[in-house]
Amino acid sequence: MIYHSVFLQFKSELSQVQRDTFFAEAKKLAHIPGVQSFQCLQEISPKNSFEYGLIMQFETEQIYEAYTQHPDHVHFVENVWIPSVANFQEIDYTIIP
């Protein structure tokens, strides 16, 4: 199982309406084949500068790669993510056997 997560800060000029649109569009990623346990998260700790996160799981690396190349994901990155996000940290991990 691959656990894919990305934590982000929005651009400071982004309005609440634009943030809401970002999450509405992000939630559509859950419908791409192979995506499991998709969640949008909000940071609550002052220890971290990232405000929000997206997490999901994939059964195999091949399914994860297919997701990254899926047209809906590419569209999201190019038309929603890039215009909205100022900074992010992507973390992909697996369970230690």
N, C-alpha and C. Protein backbone atom coordinates (compact mmCIF):
# COMPACT_ATOMS: atom_id res chain seq x y z
N MET A 1 0.85 -1.18 0.00
CA MET A 1 0.00 0.00 0.00
C MET A 1 0.89 1.24 0.00
N ILE A 2 0.54 2.19 -0.83
CA ILE A 2 1.25 3.47 -0.87
C ILE A 2 0.34 4.53 -0.25
N TYR A 3 0.87 5.26 0.68
CA TYR A 3 0.16 6.35 1.32
C TYR A 3 0.72 7.64 0.73
N HIS A 4 -0.11 8.36 0.01
CA HIS A 4 0.30 9.60 -0.67
C HIS A 4 -0.29 10.77 0.09
N SER A 5 0.55 11.72 0.46
CA SER A 5 0.05 12.90 1.17
C SER A 5 0.76 14.14 0.64
N VAL A 6 0.04 15.22 0.66
CA VAL A 6 0.61 16.51 0.29
C VAL A 6 0.01 17.56 1.21
N PHE A 7 0.88 18.37 1.80
CA PHE A 7 0.46 19.42 2.73
C PHE A 7 0.82 20.75 2.09
N LEU A 8 -0.05 21.75 2.28
CA LEU A 8 0.09 22.96 1.48
C LEU A 8 -0.26 24.23 2.22
N GLN A 9 0.22 25.33 1.65
CA GLN A 9 -0.17 26.69 2.02
C GLN A 9 -0.74 27.33 0.77
N PHE A 10 -1.86 27.99 0.91
CA PHE A 10 -2.43 28.71 -0.22
C PHE A 10 -1.68 30.02 -0.44
N LYS A 11 -1.77 30.54 -1.64
CA LYS A 11 -1.27 31.88 -1.92
C LYS A 11 -2.09 32.86 -1.07
N SER A 12 -1.43 33.88 -0.53
CA SER A 12 -2.08 34.79 0.42
C SER A 12 -3.26 35.54 -0.17
N GLU A 13 -3.25 35.78 -1.47
CA GLU A 13 -4.33 36.54 -2.08
C GLU A 13 -5.57 35.70 -2.42
N LEU A 14 -5.50 34.40 -2.14
CA LEU A 14 -6.62 33.52 -2.48
C LEU A 14 -7.82 33.80 -1.58
N SER A 15 -8.97 34.05 -2.17
CA SER A 15 -10.19 34.32 -1.41
C SER A 15 -10.75 33.01 -0.84
N GLN A 16 -11.71 33.15 0.07
CA GLN A 16 -12.36 31.96 0.62
C GLN A 16 -13.13 31.22 -0.46
N VAL A 17 -13.73 31.93 -1.38
CA VAL A 17 -14.45 31.29 -2.49
C VAL A 17 -13.47 30.47 -3.33
N GLN A 18 -12.30 31.01 -3.60
CA GLN A 18 -11.29 30.27 -4.37
C GLN A 18 -10.79 29.05 -3.59
N ARG A 19 -10.66 29.17 -2.29
CA ARG A 19 -10.25 28.03 -1.46
C ARG A 19 -11.33 26.95 -1.49
N ASP A 20 -12.58 27.35 -1.39
CA ASP A 20 -13.68 26.39 -1.45
C ASP A 20 -13.71 25.69 -2.80
N THR A 21 -13.46 26.44 -3.86
CA THR A 21 -13.41 25.85 -5.20
C THR A 21 -12.25 24.87 -5.31
N PHE A 22 -11.11 25.21 -4.72
CA PHE A 22 -9.96 24.31 -4.71
C PHE A 22 -10.35 22.96 -4.12
N PHE A 23 -10.99 22.97 -2.95
CA PHE A 23 -11.35 21.70 -2.30
C PHE A 23 -12.45 20.96 -3.05
N ALA A 24 -13.37 21.69 -3.65
CA ALA A 24 -14.40 21.03 -4.46
C ALA A 24 -13.76 20.30 -5.64
N GLU A 25 -12.78 20.93 -6.25
CA GLU A 25 -12.06 20.30 -7.37
C GLU A 25 -11.18 19.16 -6.87
N ALA A 26 -10.53 19.35 -5.73
CA ALA A 26 -9.65 18.31 -5.17
C ALA A 26 -10.44 17.04 -4.87
N LYS A 27 -11.65 17.19 -4.37
CA LYS A 27 -12.46 16.03 -4.01
C LYS A 27 -12.82 15.18 -5.23
N LYS A 28 -12.78 15.76 -6.40
CA LYS A 28 -13.03 15.00 -7.63
C LYS A 28 -11.93 13.98 -7.89
N LEU A 29 -10.74 14.21 -7.33
CA LEU A 29 -9.62 13.26 -7.50
C LEU A 29 -9.96 11.89 -6.91
N ALA A 30 -10.86 11.85 -5.95
CA ALA A 30 -11.25 10.59 -5.31
C ALA A 30 -11.93 9.64 -6.29
N HIS A 31 -12.41 10.17 -7.42
CA HIS A 31 -13.11 9.35 -8.41
C HIS A 31 -12.18 8.76 -9.46
N ILE A 32 -10.90 9.11 -9.41
CA ILE A 32 -9.94 8.52 -10.34
C ILE A 32 -9.74 7.07 -9.93
N PRO A 33 -9.75 6.15 -10.89
CA PRO A 33 -9.58 4.73 -10.55
C PRO A 33 -8.32 4.47 -9.72
N GLY A 34 -8.50 3.69 -8.66
CA GLY A 34 -7.39 3.30 -7.81
C GLY A 34 -7.21 4.14 -6.56
N VAL A 35 -7.83 5.31 -6.50
CA VAL A 35 -7.70 6.17 -5.33
C VAL A 35 -8.56 5.59 -4.20
N GLN A 36 -7.93 5.43 -3.02
CA GLN A 36 -8.63 4.92 -1.85
C GLN A 36 -8.47 5.90 -0.70
N SER A 37 -9.45 5.95 0.16
CA SER A 37 -9.39 6.69 1.43
C SER A 37 -8.99 8.16 1.25
N PHE A 38 -9.51 8.82 0.23
CA PHE A 38 -9.19 10.22 -0.02
C PHE A 38 -9.77 11.10 1.07
N GLN A 39 -8.95 12.04 1.57
CA GLN A 39 -9.42 12.98 2.59
C GLN A 39 -8.76 14.35 2.39
N CYS A 40 -9.52 15.39 2.66
CA CYS A 40 -8.99 16.75 2.74
C CYS A 40 -8.86 17.09 4.22
N LEU A 41 -7.73 17.65 4.61
CA LEU A 41 -7.45 17.90 6.02
C LEU A 41 -7.14 19.37 6.27
N GLN A 42 -7.40 19.83 7.50
CA GLN A 42 -7.01 21.17 7.91
C GLN A 42 -6.08 21.05 9.11
N GLU A 43 -4.94 21.71 9.05
CA GLU A 43 -3.95 21.71 10.12
C GLU A 43 -4.50 22.45 11.34
N ILE A 44 -4.26 21.90 12.52
CA ILE A 44 -4.73 22.56 13.75
C ILE A 44 -3.58 22.89 14.70
N SER A 45 -2.36 22.50 14.35
CA SER A 45 -1.23 22.72 15.24
C SER A 45 -0.40 23.93 14.79
N PRO A 46 0.01 24.77 15.71
CA PRO A 46 0.88 25.90 15.35
C PRO A 46 2.33 25.47 15.06
N LYS A 47 2.64 24.19 15.24
CA LYS A 47 3.99 23.68 15.01
C LYS A 47 4.32 23.53 13.53
N ASN A 48 3.30 23.67 12.68
CA ASN A 48 3.46 23.39 11.26
C ASN A 48 2.97 24.60 10.47
N SER A 49 3.71 25.01 9.45
CA SER A 49 3.30 26.17 8.66
C SER A 49 2.32 25.82 7.54
N PHE A 50 2.15 24.54 7.27
CA PHE A 50 1.19 24.14 6.24
C PHE A 50 -0.22 24.20 6.82
N GLU A 51 -1.16 24.68 5.99
CA GLU A 51 -2.52 24.92 6.46
C GLU A 51 -3.46 23.74 6.23
N TYR A 52 -3.24 23.03 5.11
CA TYR A 52 -4.18 21.99 4.69
C TYR A 52 -3.42 20.79 4.15
N GLY A 53 -4.12 19.70 4.00
CA GLY A 53 -3.51 18.51 3.43
C GLY A 53 -4.51 17.70 2.63
N LEU A 54 -3.97 16.93 1.70
CA LEU A 54 -4.74 15.95 0.95
C LEU A 54 -4.03 14.62 1.15
N ILE A 55 -4.78 13.59 1.51
CA ILE A 55 -4.17 12.27 1.68
C ILE A 55 -5.02 11.23 0.96
N MET A 56 -4.35 10.18 0.51
CA MET A 56 -5.03 9.09 -0.18
C MET A 56 -4.12 7.88 -0.17
N GLN A 57 -4.68 6.74 -0.57
CA GLN A 57 -3.93 5.49 -0.61
C GLN A 57 -4.07 4.84 -1.98
N PHE A 58 -3.05 4.06 -2.32
CA PHE A 58 -3.05 3.29 -3.57
C PHE A 58 -2.56 1.89 -3.27
N GLU A 59 -3.18 0.92 -3.89
CA GLU A 59 -2.84 -0.49 -3.65
C GLU A 59 -1.42 -0.83 -4.10
N THR A 60 -1.00 -0.28 -5.25
CA THR A 60 0.33 -0.59 -5.79
C THR A 60 0.98 0.66 -6.37
N GLU A 61 2.26 0.57 -6.62
CA GLU A 61 2.99 1.67 -7.24
C GLU A 61 2.49 1.93 -8.67
N GLN A 62 2.10 0.86 -9.37
CA GLN A 62 1.59 1.01 -10.74
C GLN A 62 0.27 1.80 -10.74
N ILE A 63 -0.58 1.55 -9.78
CA ILE A 63 -1.85 2.28 -9.68
C ILE A 63 -1.57 3.74 -9.34
N TYR A 64 -0.61 3.96 -8.46
CA TYR A 64 -0.24 5.34 -8.11
C TYR A 64 0.30 6.08 -9.34
N GLU A 65 1.14 5.43 -10.11
CA GLU A 65 1.69 6.04 -11.33
C GLU A 65 0.58 6.35 -12.34
N ALA A 66 -0.37 5.45 -12.47
CA ALA A 66 -1.50 5.68 -13.38
C ALA A 66 -2.31 6.89 -12.91
N TYR A 67 -2.46 7.05 -11.61
CA TYR A 67 -3.15 8.22 -11.05
C TYR A 67 -2.43 9.51 -11.41
N THR A 68 -1.11 9.53 -11.25
CA THR A 68 -0.36 10.76 -11.52
C THR A 68 -0.46 11.18 -12.99
N GLN A 69 -0.66 10.22 -13.87
CA GLN A 69 -0.76 10.51 -15.30
C GLN A 69 -2.20 10.64 -15.79
N HIS A 70 -3.16 10.38 -14.94
CA HIS A 70 -4.58 10.44 -15.33
C HIS A 70 -4.92 11.87 -15.75
N PRO A 71 -5.68 12.05 -16.83
CA PRO A 71 -6.03 13.40 -17.31
C PRO A 71 -6.71 14.28 -16.26
N ASP A 72 -7.52 13.71 -15.38
CA ASP A 72 -8.18 14.51 -14.34
C ASP A 72 -7.17 15.04 -13.33
N HIS A 73 -6.16 14.23 -13.01
CA HIS A 73 -5.12 14.68 -12.09
C HIS A 73 -4.27 15.76 -12.74
N VAL A 74 -3.88 15.53 -13.98
CA VAL A 74 -3.07 16.52 -14.71
C VAL A 74 -3.83 17.85 -14.81
N HIS A 75 -5.12 17.79 -15.11
CA HIS A 75 -5.95 19.00 -15.19
C HIS A 75 -5.97 19.71 -13.84
N PHE A 76 -6.16 18.96 -12.76
CA PHE A 76 -6.18 19.56 -11.42
C PHE A 76 -4.87 20.28 -11.12
N VAL A 77 -3.76 19.62 -11.38
CA VAL A 77 -2.46 20.23 -11.09
C VAL A 77 -2.27 21.51 -11.89
N GLU A 78 -2.53 21.46 -13.17
CA GLU A 78 -2.27 22.60 -14.04
C GLU A 78 -3.24 23.76 -13.83
N ASN A 79 -4.52 23.46 -13.58
CA ASN A 79 -5.55 24.50 -13.57
C ASN A 79 -6.06 24.90 -12.20
N VAL A 80 -5.78 24.09 -11.19
CA VAL A 80 -6.26 24.39 -9.84
C VAL A 80 -5.09 24.52 -8.87
N TRP A 81 -4.24 23.52 -8.82
CA TRP A 81 -3.13 23.49 -7.87
C TRP A 81 -2.14 24.64 -8.10
N ILE A 82 -1.58 24.72 -9.29
CA ILE A 82 -0.53 25.71 -9.56
C ILE A 82 -1.04 27.14 -9.32
N PRO A 83 -2.24 27.51 -9.77
CA PRO A 83 -2.70 28.87 -9.50
C PRO A 83 -3.02 29.17 -8.03
N SER A 84 -3.19 28.15 -7.21
CA SER A 84 -3.67 28.34 -5.84
C SER A 84 -2.63 28.17 -4.75
N VAL A 85 -1.62 27.33 -4.97
CA VAL A 85 -0.73 26.89 -3.90
C VAL A 85 0.59 27.65 -3.92
N ALA A 86 0.95 28.19 -2.75
CA ALA A 86 2.21 28.92 -2.60
C ALA A 86 3.37 28.00 -2.25
N ASN A 87 3.11 27.01 -1.40
CA ASN A 87 4.17 26.14 -0.90
C ASN A 87 3.54 24.80 -0.52
N PHE A 88 4.32 23.72 -0.67
CA PHE A 88 3.78 22.41 -0.31
C PHE A 88 4.91 21.44 0.01
N GLN A 89 4.52 20.35 0.66
CA GLN A 89 5.42 19.23 0.96
C GLN A 89 4.68 17.96 0.61
N GLU A 90 5.25 17.18 -0.29
CA GLU A 90 4.65 15.91 -0.68
C GLU A 90 5.41 14.78 0.01
N ILE A 91 4.66 13.85 0.58
CA ILE A 91 5.26 12.71 1.28
C ILE A 91 4.53 11.46 0.84
N ASP A 92 5.28 10.49 0.30
CA ASP A 92 4.74 9.20 -0.08
C ASP A 92 5.45 8.14 0.76
N TYR A 93 4.69 7.24 1.35
CA TYR A 93 5.31 6.27 2.24
C TYR A 93 4.57 4.95 2.19
N THR A 94 5.24 3.93 2.70
CA THR A 94 4.67 2.58 2.83
C THR A 94 4.88 2.13 4.28
N ILE A 95 4.21 1.09 4.66
CA ILE A 95 4.33 0.53 6.00
C ILE A 95 5.58 -0.35 6.07
N ILE A 96 6.32 -0.23 7.14
CA ILE A 96 7.48 -1.05 7.37
C ILE A 96 7.00 -2.46 7.74
N PRO A 97 7.46 -3.47 6.99
CA PRO A 97 6.99 -4.84 7.30
C PRO A 97 7.54 -5.36 8.62
